[in-house]
Amino acid sequence: MASSRLRDSGFLPGFSPLSFKEPLYGSSSSSVVFPELKVSSFRGIPSLWISELEIESLAASFEFALVGKFPASRPSLDAIRKFFFNLKLKGDVFVTVLNQRNVLIKFFNELDYCQIFAHRSYFVNNCFMKLIKWSHTLDVELESPVVPI
């Protein structure tokens, strides 16, 4: 399945994969530039302090992202991508694995996002998938309080 609609190159559109250091230090290929990084430590381990504003700027590109939760078993990633491709969405969709039971589904079009989220659940290769809204504070082990209305 060689379609440009199924993005697999990365989370940020138009960017090639970067090292961890490049976006943090504002290399020319990154649109996210942080001010001076604050080096700190947490329980004796070196760490970087990232402000809430910086976190929100990183999360902005995930405005139309959902998490697909598979309570029993998860089909292959290719089967999930093919499922979304067959829905004939207007824009691109990016699907990647978060963990054994959850996948991240990132839409690049608000209409597609709303249409898919409104259904709340699907069967993908006979596996039940429940959709929840992604946020940078989401804990996939807890039930999300956000629902489409």
C-alpha atoms as a PDB file:
ATOM      1  CA  MET A   1       0.000   0.000   0.000  1.00  0.00           C
ATOM      2  CA  ALA A   2       2.046   2.930  -1.278  1.00  0.00           C
ATOM      3  CA  SER A   3      -0.153   5.904  -0.630  1.00  0.00           C
ATOM      4  CA  SER A   4       0.983   9.366   0.385  1.00  0.00           C
ATOM      5  CA  ARG A   5      -2.214   9.603   2.458  1.00  0.00           C
ATOM      6  CA  LEU A   6      -0.808   7.148   4.976  1.00  0.00           C
ATOM      7  CA  ARG A   7       1.988   9.071   6.599  1.00  0.00           C
ATOM      8  CA  ASP A   8       4.710   7.107   8.264  1.00  0.00           C
ATOM      9  CA  SER A   9       7.631   9.493   8.079  1.00  0.00           C
ATOM     10  CA  GLY A  10       7.113  11.208  11.421  1.00  0.00           C
ATOM     11  CA  PHE A  11       4.787  13.190  13.591  1.00  0.00           C
ATOM     12  CA  LEU A  12       5.505  16.676  12.276  1.00  0.00           C
ATOM     13  CA  PRO A  13       4.430  17.315   8.676  1.00  0.00           C
ATOM     14  CA  GLY A  14       7.170  18.321   6.266  1.00  0.00           C
ATOM     15  CA  PHE A  15      10.038  17.393   8.566  1.00  0.00           C
ATOM     16  CA  SER A  16      12.573  14.630   8.200  1.00  0.00           C
ATOM     17  CA  PRO A  17      13.544  12.737  11.355  1.00  0.00           C
ATOM     18  CA  LEU A  18      15.801  14.752  13.650  1.00  0.00           C
ATOM     19  CA  SER A  19      18.050  13.867  16.512  1.00  0.00           C
ATOM     20  CA  PHE A  20      16.756  14.737  19.980  1.00  0.00           C
ATOM     21  CA  LYS A  21      19.261  17.587  20.230  1.00  0.00           C
ATOM     22  CA  GLU A  22      18.378  19.369  16.954  1.00  0.00           C
ATOM     23  CA  PRO A  23      14.857  20.575  17.848  1.00  0.00           C
ATOM     24  CA  LEU A  24      15.881  21.524  21.366  1.00  0.00           C
ATOM     25  CA  TYR A  25      18.775  23.663  20.222  1.00  0.00           C
ATOM     26  CA  GLY A  26      16.818  25.189  17.325  1.00  0.00           C
ATOM     27  CA  SER A  27      18.584  23.799  14.279  1.00  0.00           C
ATOM     28  CA  SER A  28      17.567  25.480  11.033  1.00  0.00           C
ATOM     29  CA  SER A  29      15.404  22.516   9.948  1.00  0.00           C
ATOM     30  CA  SER A  30      13.126  22.779  12.987  1.00  0.00           C
ATOM     31  CA  SER A  31      10.245  25.233  13.401  1.00  0.00           C
ATOM     32  CA  VAL A  32      10.196  24.763  17.181  1.00  0.00           C
ATOM     33  CA  VAL A  33      12.858  26.836  18.886  1.00  0.00           C
ATOM     34  CA  PHE A  34      13.175  26.917  22.650  1.00  0.00           C
ATOM     35  CA  PRO A  35      14.783  29.700  24.605  1.00  0.00           C
ATOM     36  CA  GLU A  36      17.832  28.905  26.696  1.00  0.00           C
ATOM     37  CA  LEU A  37      17.369  25.393  28.087  1.00  0.00           C
ATOM     38  CA  LYS A  38      17.248  25.143  31.874  1.00  0.00           C
ATOM     39  CA  VAL A  39      19.406  22.286  33.096  1.00  0.00           C
ATOM     40  CA  SER A  40      18.348  20.902  36.438  1.00  0.00           C
ATOM     41  CA  SER A  41      18.281  17.653  38.348  1.00  0.00           C
ATOM     42  CA  PHE A  42      15.491  15.484  39.693  1.00  0.00           C
ATOM     43  CA  ARG A  43      16.311  13.067  42.502  1.00  0.00           C
ATOM     44  CA  GLY A  44      19.962  13.375  41.602  1.00  0.00           C
ATOM     45  CA  ILE A  45      19.433  12.663  37.883  1.00  0.00           C
ATOM     46  CA  PRO A  46      20.279  15.409  35.343  1.00  0.00           C
ATOM     47  CA  SER A  47      17.186  16.773  33.606  1.00  0.00           C
ATOM     48  CA  LEU A  48      15.906  19.615  31.442  1.00  0.00           C
ATOM     49  CA  TRP A  49      13.162  21.915  32.654  1.00  0.00           C
ATOM     50  CA  ILE A  50      10.529  22.512  29.947  1.00  0.00           C
ATOM     51  CA  SER A  51       7.839  25.100  30.602  1.00  0.00           C
ATOM     52  CA  GLU A  52       4.105  24.543  30.126  1.00  0.00           C
ATOM     53  CA  LEU A  53       4.197  27.013  27.196  1.00  0.00           C
ATOM     54  CA  GLU A  54       6.889  24.958  25.463  1.00  0.00           C
ATOM     55  CA  ILE A  55       4.921  21.759  26.041  1.00  0.00           C
ATOM     56  CA  GLU A  56       1.788  23.355  24.572  1.00  0.00           C
ATOM     57  CA  SER A  57       3.723  24.529  21.501  1.00  0.00           C
ATOM     58  CA  LEU A  58       4.973  20.971  20.925  1.00  0.00           C
ATOM     59  CA  ALA A  59       1.466  19.546  21.426  1.00  0.00           C
ATOM     60  CA  ALA A  60      -0.142  22.008  18.980  1.00  0.00           C
ATOM     61  CA  SER A  61       0.554  19.764  15.983  1.00  0.00           C
ATOM     62  CA  PHE A  62      -1.488  17.025  17.711  1.00  0.00           C
ATOM     63  CA  GLU A  63      -4.669  19.104  17.820  1.00  0.00           C
ATOM     64  CA  PHE A  64      -6.490  16.520  15.684  1.00  0.00           C
ATOM     65  CA  ALA A  65      -5.081  13.374  17.309  1.00  0.00           C
ATOM     66  CA  LEU A  66      -6.968  10.426  18.777  1.00  0.00           C
ATOM     67  CA  VAL A  67      -5.902   7.313  20.623  1.00  0.00           C
ATOM     68  CA  GLY A  68      -7.336   3.999  19.492  1.00  0.00           C
ATOM     69  CA  LYS A  69      -7.680   1.648  22.469  1.00  0.00           C
ATOM     70  CA  PHE A  70      -7.952  -2.089  21.845  1.00  0.00           C
ATOM     71  CA  PRO A  71      -9.142  -3.716  25.100  1.00  0.00           C
ATOM     72  CA  ALA A  72      -8.845  -7.345  23.966  1.00  0.00           C
ATOM     73  CA  SER A  73      -6.312  -7.643  21.141  1.00  0.00           C
ATOM     74  CA  ARG A  74      -4.792  -5.251  18.642  1.00  0.00           C
ATOM     75  CA  PRO A  75      -4.519  -6.084  14.934  1.00  0.00           C
ATOM     76  CA  SER A  76      -1.301  -5.380  13.071  1.00  0.00           C
ATOM     77  CA  LEU A  77      -0.336  -1.787  12.434  1.00  0.00           C
ATOM     78  CA  ASP A  78      -0.675  -2.372   8.683  1.00  0.00           C
ATOM     79  CA  ALA A  79      -4.266  -3.603   9.173  1.00  0.00           C
ATOM     80  CA  ILE A  80      -5.124  -0.482  11.186  1.00  0.00           C
ATOM     81  CA  ARG A  81      -3.566   1.815   8.564  1.00  0.00           C
ATOM     82  CA  LYS A  82      -5.440  -0.001   5.804  1.00  0.00           C
ATOM     83  CA  PHE A  83      -8.690   0.382   7.774  1.00  0.00           C
ATOM     84  CA  PHE A  84      -8.291   4.184   7.905  1.00  0.00           C
ATOM     85  CA  PHE A  85      -7.195   4.314   4.257  1.00  0.00           C
ATOM     86  CA  ASN A  86     -10.393   2.483   3.259  1.00  0.00           C
ATOM     87  CA  LEU A  87     -12.533   5.098   5.033  1.00  0.00           C
ATOM     88  CA  LYS A  88     -11.767   7.460   2.108  1.00  0.00           C
ATOM     89  CA  LEU A  89     -10.860  10.407   4.325  1.00  0.00           C
ATOM     90  CA  LYS A  90     -10.352  13.847   2.787  1.00  0.00           C
ATOM     91  CA  GLY A  91      -6.885  14.409   4.278  1.00  0.00           C
ATOM     92  CA  ASP A  92      -3.882  12.442   5.422  1.00  0.00           C
ATOM     93  CA  VAL A  93      -3.852  10.208   8.481  1.00  0.00           C
ATOM     94  CA  PHE A  94      -0.854   9.034  10.507  1.00  0.00           C
ATOM     95  CA  VAL A  95      -1.084   5.883  12.654  1.00  0.00           C
ATOM     96  CA  THR A  96       1.616   4.609  15.002  1.00  0.00           C
ATOM     97  CA  VAL A  97       1.834   2.267  17.978  1.00  0.00           C
ATOM     98  CA  LEU A  98       1.835   3.773  21.482  1.00  0.00           C
ATOM     99  CA  ASN A  99       1.990   0.455  23.338  1.00  0.00           C
ATOM    100  CA  GLN A 100       0.672  -3.128  23.144  1.00  0.00           C
ATOM    101  CA  ARG A 101      -3.011  -2.058  23.251  1.00  0.00           C
ATOM    102  CA  ASN A 102      -3.047   1.546  21.985  1.00  0.00           C
ATOM    103  CA  VAL A 103      -2.312   3.404  18.760  1.00  0.00           C
ATOM    104  CA  LEU A 104      -1.981   7.117  18.037  1.00  0.00           C
ATOM    105  CA  ILE A 105      -4.109   8.327  15.123  1.00  0.00           C
ATOM    106  CA  LYS A 106      -3.200  11.795  13.894  1.00  0.00           C
ATOM    107  CA  PHE A 107      -5.398  13.557  11.357  1.00  0.00           C
ATOM    108  CA  PHE A 108      -4.346  16.551   9.294  1.00  0.00           C
ATOM    109  CA  ASN A 109      -7.921  17.675   8.656  1.00  0.00           C
ATOM    110  CA  GLU A 110     -10.511  18.798  11.235  1.00  0.00           C
ATOM    111  CA  LEU A 111     -13.411  17.352   9.262  1.00  0.00           C
ATOM    112  CA  ASP A 112     -11.861  13.866   9.206  1.00  0.00           C
ATOM    113  CA  TYR A 113     -11.020  14.145  12.885  1.00  0.00           C
ATOM    114  CA  CYS A 114     -14.583  15.125  13.866  1.00  0.00           C
ATOM    115  CA  GLN A 115     -16.181  12.519  11.617  1.00  0.00           C
ATOM    116  CA  ILE A 116     -14.072   9.672  13.013  1.00  0.00           C
ATOM    117  CA  PHE A 117     -14.254  10.808  16.663  1.00  0.00           C
ATOM    118  CA  ALA A 118     -18.058  11.126  16.474  1.00  0.00           C
ATOM    119  CA  HIS A 119     -18.346   7.351  15.979  1.00  0.00           C
ATOM    120  CA  ARG A 120     -16.423   6.670  19.201  1.00  0.00           C
ATOM    121  CA  SER A 121     -15.689   3.029  18.324  1.00  0.00           C
ATOM    122  CA  TYR A 122     -14.973   0.759  15.367  1.00  0.00           C
ATOM    123  CA  PHE A 123     -14.183  -2.856  14.616  1.00  0.00           C
ATOM    124  CA  VAL A 124     -10.806  -3.248  12.900  1.00  0.00           C
ATOM    125  CA  ASN A 125     -10.225  -6.808  11.652  1.00  0.00           C
ATOM    126  CA  ASN A 126     -12.812  -8.056  14.179  1.00  0.00           C
ATOM    127  CA  CYS A 127     -10.997  -6.255  17.017  1.00  0.00           C
ATOM    128  CA  PHE A 128     -12.932  -3.634  18.975  1.00  0.00           C
ATOM    129  CA  MET A 129     -11.281  -0.192  18.978  1.00  0.00           C
ATOM    130  CA  LYS A 130     -12.505   2.605  21.240  1.00  0.00           C
ATOM    131  CA  LEU A 131     -11.442   6.168  20.377  1.00  0.00           C
ATOM    132  CA  ILE A 132     -10.391   8.779  22.918  1.00  0.00           C
ATOM    133  CA  LYS A 133      -9.040  12.292  22.418  1.00  0.00           C
ATOM    134  CA  TRP A 134      -5.284  12.629  22.747  1.00  0.00           C
ATOM    135  CA  SER A 135      -3.825  15.267  25.040  1.00  0.00           C
ATOM    136  CA  HIS A 136      -0.356  15.760  26.454  1.00  0.00           C
ATOM    137  CA  THR A 137      -1.753  14.851  29.891  1.00  0.00           C
ATOM    138  CA  LEU A 138      -3.547  11.692  28.728  1.00  0.00           C
ATOM    139  CA  ASP A 139      -3.012   8.527  30.742  1.00  0.00           C
ATOM    140  CA  VAL A 140      -4.118   5.609  28.551  1.00  0.00           C
ATOM    141  CA  GLU A 141      -4.730   3.501  31.657  1.00  0.00           C
ATOM    142  CA  LEU A 142      -7.482   5.871  32.868  1.00  0.00           C
ATOM    143  CA  GLU A 143     -10.859   6.569  31.290  1.00  0.00           C
ATOM    144  CA  SER A 144     -10.869   9.881  29.400  1.00  0.00           C
ATOM    145  CA  PRO A 145     -13.498  12.449  30.449  1.00  0.00           C
ATOM    146  CA  VAL A 146     -13.516  14.028  26.949  1.00  0.00           C
ATOM    147  CA  VAL A 147     -16.316  12.912  24.610  1.00  0.00           C
ATOM    148  CA  PRO A 148     -17.647  14.335  21.332  1.00  0.00           C
ATOM    149  CA  ILE A 149     -20.971  16.177  21.543  1.00  0.00           C
END
